[in-house]
N, C-alpha and C. Protein backbone atom coordinates (compact mmCIF):
# COMPACT_ATOMS: atom_id res chain seq x y z
N UNK A 1 90.85 231.80 -79.78
CA UNK A 1 90.70 231.20 -81.10
C UNK A 1 90.72 229.69 -80.93
N UNK A 2 90.65 228.99 -81.98
CA UNK A 2 90.52 227.55 -81.88
C UNK A 2 91.87 226.84 -81.85
N UNK A 3 91.82 225.65 -81.29
CA UNK A 3 93.03 224.84 -81.27
C UNK A 3 93.43 224.43 -82.68
N UNK A 4 92.49 224.49 -83.64
CA UNK A 4 92.84 224.15 -85.02
C UNK A 4 93.83 225.16 -85.59
N UNK A 5 93.74 226.41 -85.16
CA UNK A 5 94.70 227.42 -85.62
C UNK A 5 96.07 227.14 -85.02
N UNK A 6 96.13 226.79 -83.75
CA UNK A 6 97.39 226.43 -83.12
C UNK A 6 97.99 225.24 -83.86
N UNK A 7 97.18 224.25 -84.18
CA UNK A 7 97.65 223.07 -84.91
C UNK A 7 98.16 223.45 -86.29
N UNK A 8 97.47 224.36 -86.96
CA UNK A 8 97.90 224.80 -88.29
C UNK A 8 99.24 225.53 -88.21
N UNK A 9 99.39 226.41 -87.22
CA UNK A 9 100.65 227.12 -87.03
C UNK A 9 101.76 226.11 -86.76
N UNK A 10 101.50 225.17 -85.87
CA UNK A 10 102.50 224.17 -85.52
C UNK A 10 102.91 223.35 -86.74
N UNK A 11 101.95 222.89 -87.52
CA UNK A 11 102.25 222.08 -88.70
C UNK A 11 103.14 222.85 -89.67
N UNK A 12 102.77 224.09 -89.94
CA UNK A 12 103.52 224.91 -90.89
C UNK A 12 104.94 225.14 -90.39
N UNK A 13 105.08 225.51 -89.11
CA UNK A 13 106.41 225.82 -88.58
C UNK A 13 107.29 224.59 -88.47
N UNK A 14 106.71 223.45 -88.12
CA UNK A 14 107.51 222.22 -88.05
C UNK A 14 108.00 221.82 -89.44
N UNK A 15 107.14 221.94 -90.45
CA UNK A 15 107.54 221.60 -91.82
C UNK A 15 108.59 222.57 -92.35
N UNK A 16 108.44 223.86 -92.05
CA UNK A 16 109.33 224.87 -92.61
C UNK A 16 110.67 224.96 -91.90
N UNK A 17 110.70 224.69 -90.59
CA UNK A 17 111.90 224.97 -89.80
C UNK A 17 112.50 223.79 -89.06
N UNK A 18 111.81 222.66 -89.01
CA UNK A 18 112.30 221.50 -88.26
C UNK A 18 112.91 221.97 -86.93
N UNK A 19 112.09 222.65 -86.11
CA UNK A 19 112.65 223.30 -84.91
C UNK A 19 113.13 222.33 -83.84
N UNK A 20 114.16 222.76 -83.14
CA UNK A 20 114.64 222.03 -81.98
C UNK A 20 113.69 222.27 -80.80
N UNK A 21 113.08 223.45 -80.79
CA UNK A 21 112.14 223.82 -79.73
C UNK A 21 111.04 224.66 -80.37
N UNK A 22 109.77 224.37 -79.99
CA UNK A 22 108.64 225.13 -80.50
C UNK A 22 107.56 225.21 -79.44
N UNK A 23 107.15 226.42 -79.12
CA UNK A 23 106.01 226.66 -78.22
C UNK A 23 105.06 227.60 -78.93
N UNK A 24 103.78 227.32 -78.83
CA UNK A 24 102.76 228.20 -79.39
C UNK A 24 101.73 228.44 -78.31
N UNK A 25 101.50 229.71 -77.99
CA UNK A 25 100.54 230.07 -76.95
C UNK A 25 99.42 230.88 -77.59
N UNK A 26 98.19 230.51 -77.30
CA UNK A 26 97.02 231.24 -77.78
C UNK A 26 96.65 232.29 -76.72
N UNK A 27 96.89 233.55 -77.05
CA UNK A 27 96.59 234.66 -76.14
C UNK A 27 95.29 235.37 -76.51
N UNK A 28 94.47 234.75 -77.33
CA UNK A 28 93.25 235.39 -77.83
C UNK A 28 92.32 235.84 -76.72
N UNK A 29 92.19 235.04 -75.67
CA UNK A 29 91.27 235.39 -74.58
C UNK A 29 91.68 236.68 -73.89
N UNK A 30 92.97 236.99 -73.93
CA UNK A 30 93.45 238.23 -73.30
C UNK A 30 93.07 239.47 -74.09
N UNK A 31 92.63 239.26 -75.32
CA UNK A 31 92.32 240.38 -76.21
C UNK A 31 90.84 240.41 -76.60
N UNK A 32 90.00 239.79 -75.81
CA UNK A 32 88.56 239.78 -76.09
C UNK A 32 88.06 241.22 -76.17
N UNK A 33 87.26 241.48 -77.18
CA UNK A 33 86.73 242.82 -77.37
C UNK A 33 87.61 243.70 -78.24
N UNK A 34 88.82 243.26 -78.50
CA UNK A 34 89.75 243.98 -79.38
C UNK A 34 89.18 243.93 -80.80
N UNK A 35 89.28 245.02 -81.56
CA UNK A 35 88.71 245.02 -82.92
C UNK A 35 89.19 243.86 -83.78
N UNK A 36 90.44 243.45 -83.65
CA UNK A 36 90.95 242.33 -84.43
C UNK A 36 90.28 241.02 -84.06
N UNK A 37 89.90 240.89 -82.80
CA UNK A 37 89.24 239.67 -82.35
C UNK A 37 87.86 239.54 -82.98
N UNK A 38 87.23 240.67 -83.27
CA UNK A 38 85.90 240.65 -83.87
C UNK A 38 85.91 240.03 -85.26
N UNK A 39 87.03 240.16 -85.98
CA UNK A 39 87.10 239.62 -87.33
C UNK A 39 87.40 238.12 -87.33
N UNK A 40 87.63 237.57 -86.15
CA UNK A 40 87.89 236.14 -86.05
C UNK A 40 89.35 235.79 -85.93
N UNK A 41 90.23 236.75 -86.16
CA UNK A 41 91.65 236.49 -86.04
C UNK A 41 92.09 236.46 -84.59
N UNK A 42 92.92 235.51 -84.25
CA UNK A 42 93.38 235.37 -82.87
C UNK A 42 94.75 235.97 -82.65
N UNK A 43 95.14 236.03 -81.38
CA UNK A 43 96.45 236.54 -80.96
C UNK A 43 97.27 235.34 -80.47
N UNK A 44 98.46 235.19 -81.04
CA UNK A 44 99.30 234.05 -80.71
C UNK A 44 100.72 234.50 -80.42
N UNK A 45 101.42 233.70 -79.64
CA UNK A 45 102.82 233.95 -79.36
C UNK A 45 103.59 232.67 -79.63
N UNK A 46 104.68 232.80 -80.39
CA UNK A 46 105.48 231.65 -80.79
C UNK A 46 106.91 231.81 -80.28
N UNK A 47 107.45 230.75 -79.71
CA UNK A 47 108.87 230.65 -79.38
C UNK A 47 109.40 229.51 -80.24
N UNK A 48 110.42 229.82 -81.06
CA UNK A 48 110.94 228.80 -81.97
C UNK A 48 112.47 228.90 -82.05
N UNK A 49 113.11 227.74 -81.93
CA UNK A 49 114.56 227.63 -82.03
C UNK A 49 114.84 226.68 -83.19
N UNK A 50 115.63 227.15 -84.17
CA UNK A 50 115.87 226.34 -85.35
C UNK A 50 117.25 226.62 -85.94
N UNK A 51 117.84 225.59 -86.52
CA UNK A 51 119.10 225.75 -87.23
C UNK A 51 118.94 226.68 -88.44
N UNK A 52 117.73 226.77 -88.97
CA UNK A 52 117.47 227.65 -90.13
C UNK A 52 117.77 229.12 -89.82
N UNK A 53 117.83 229.48 -88.54
CA UNK A 53 118.07 230.87 -88.17
C UNK A 53 119.55 231.20 -88.01
N UNK A 54 120.42 230.20 -88.15
CA UNK A 54 121.86 230.42 -88.00
C UNK A 54 122.33 231.49 -88.98
N UNK A 55 123.06 232.47 -88.47
CA UNK A 55 123.64 233.52 -89.31
C UNK A 55 122.68 234.60 -89.75
N UNK A 56 121.42 234.52 -89.33
CA UNK A 56 120.42 235.51 -89.72
C UNK A 56 120.21 236.52 -88.60
N UNK A 57 119.87 237.74 -88.98
CA UNK A 57 119.51 238.74 -87.98
C UNK A 57 118.15 238.39 -87.41
N UNK A 58 117.82 238.99 -86.29
CA UNK A 58 116.51 238.77 -85.68
C UNK A 58 115.40 239.14 -86.65
N UNK A 59 115.56 240.26 -87.36
CA UNK A 59 114.56 240.69 -88.33
C UNK A 59 114.39 239.64 -89.44
N UNK A 60 115.49 239.09 -89.92
CA UNK A 60 115.40 238.06 -90.97
C UNK A 60 114.70 236.80 -90.45
N UNK A 61 114.98 236.43 -89.20
CA UNK A 61 114.32 235.27 -88.60
C UNK A 61 112.81 235.50 -88.53
N UNK A 62 112.42 236.67 -88.06
CA UNK A 62 110.99 236.98 -87.93
C UNK A 62 110.31 237.03 -89.29
N UNK A 63 111.00 237.55 -90.28
CA UNK A 63 110.42 237.58 -91.64
C UNK A 63 110.17 236.17 -92.16
N UNK A 64 111.11 235.27 -91.91
CA UNK A 64 110.93 233.88 -92.34
C UNK A 64 109.69 233.26 -91.70
N UNK A 65 109.52 233.47 -90.41
CA UNK A 65 108.36 232.90 -89.71
C UNK A 65 107.07 233.53 -90.23
N UNK A 66 107.04 234.85 -90.33
CA UNK A 66 105.84 235.53 -90.83
C UNK A 66 105.50 235.08 -92.24
N UNK A 67 106.51 234.93 -93.10
CA UNK A 67 106.26 234.45 -94.46
C UNK A 67 105.68 233.04 -94.45
N UNK A 68 106.17 232.20 -93.54
CA UNK A 68 105.70 230.81 -93.49
C UNK A 68 104.22 230.71 -93.13
N UNK A 69 103.74 231.58 -92.24
CA UNK A 69 102.34 231.50 -91.79
C UNK A 69 101.46 232.57 -92.45
N UNK A 70 101.98 233.23 -93.45
CA UNK A 70 101.27 234.35 -94.10
C UNK A 70 99.82 234.01 -94.48
N UNK A 71 99.59 232.79 -94.95
CA UNK A 71 98.24 232.40 -95.39
C UNK A 71 97.22 232.42 -94.25
N UNK A 72 97.68 232.40 -93.00
CA UNK A 72 96.78 232.39 -91.85
C UNK A 72 96.44 233.80 -91.35
N UNK A 73 97.22 234.79 -91.78
CA UNK A 73 96.95 236.16 -91.33
C UNK A 73 95.62 236.65 -91.90
N UNK A 74 94.91 237.42 -91.10
CA UNK A 74 93.63 237.97 -91.52
C UNK A 74 92.48 237.20 -90.91
N UNK A 75 92.21 236.04 -91.43
CA UNK A 75 91.07 235.26 -90.95
C UNK A 75 91.38 234.50 -89.67
N UNK A 76 92.60 233.92 -89.55
CA UNK A 76 92.89 233.07 -88.40
C UNK A 76 93.89 233.69 -87.42
N UNK A 77 94.78 234.54 -87.92
CA UNK A 77 95.74 235.23 -87.06
C UNK A 77 95.58 236.72 -87.22
N UNK A 78 95.37 237.41 -86.11
CA UNK A 78 95.34 238.87 -86.12
C UNK A 78 96.70 239.41 -85.67
N UNK A 79 97.28 238.79 -84.66
CA UNK A 79 98.57 239.24 -84.13
C UNK A 79 99.42 238.03 -83.79
N UNK A 80 100.73 238.15 -84.09
CA UNK A 80 101.65 237.06 -83.83
C UNK A 80 102.91 237.61 -83.19
N UNK A 81 103.10 237.27 -81.91
CA UNK A 81 104.32 237.64 -81.21
C UNK A 81 105.36 236.56 -81.43
N UNK A 82 106.60 236.97 -81.64
CA UNK A 82 107.64 236.00 -81.95
C UNK A 82 108.85 236.15 -81.05
N UNK A 83 109.40 235.01 -80.67
CA UNK A 83 110.71 234.93 -80.05
C UNK A 83 111.43 233.83 -80.81
N UNK A 84 112.44 234.23 -81.59
CA UNK A 84 113.16 233.28 -82.42
C UNK A 84 114.63 233.24 -81.99
N UNK A 85 115.27 232.11 -82.27
CA UNK A 85 116.69 231.98 -81.96
C UNK A 85 117.29 230.83 -82.75
N UNK A 86 118.55 230.99 -83.12
CA UNK A 86 119.24 229.87 -83.73
C UNK A 86 119.62 228.86 -82.65
N UNK A 87 119.85 227.63 -83.03
CA UNK A 87 120.19 226.57 -82.07
C UNK A 87 121.44 226.95 -81.28
N UNK A 88 122.41 227.58 -81.93
CA UNK A 88 123.68 227.90 -81.27
C UNK A 88 123.54 228.87 -80.10
N UNK A 89 122.43 229.58 -80.01
CA UNK A 89 122.25 230.54 -78.92
C UNK A 89 121.66 229.92 -77.65
N UNK A 90 121.28 228.66 -77.73
CA UNK A 90 120.66 228.00 -76.57
C UNK A 90 121.67 227.64 -75.54
């Protein structure tokens, strides 16, 4: 997928979570020919560490991230792998 999608994900996550650490990897090339890739949606993996995750379960952390980038699902994101953590776990 395009670097513009990575930039969009980064912008949204930085604004929503003010992360201490953020990595975004575009894995779309690994899924070439996958039905989701045909629709234009890419495959991405995010590692994010934020104080916003303090006291939340892993499921709650993932829901927050998915909700933040929800507008990108479908056309720009087909799959999003997540690794989230509160700052205190580092």
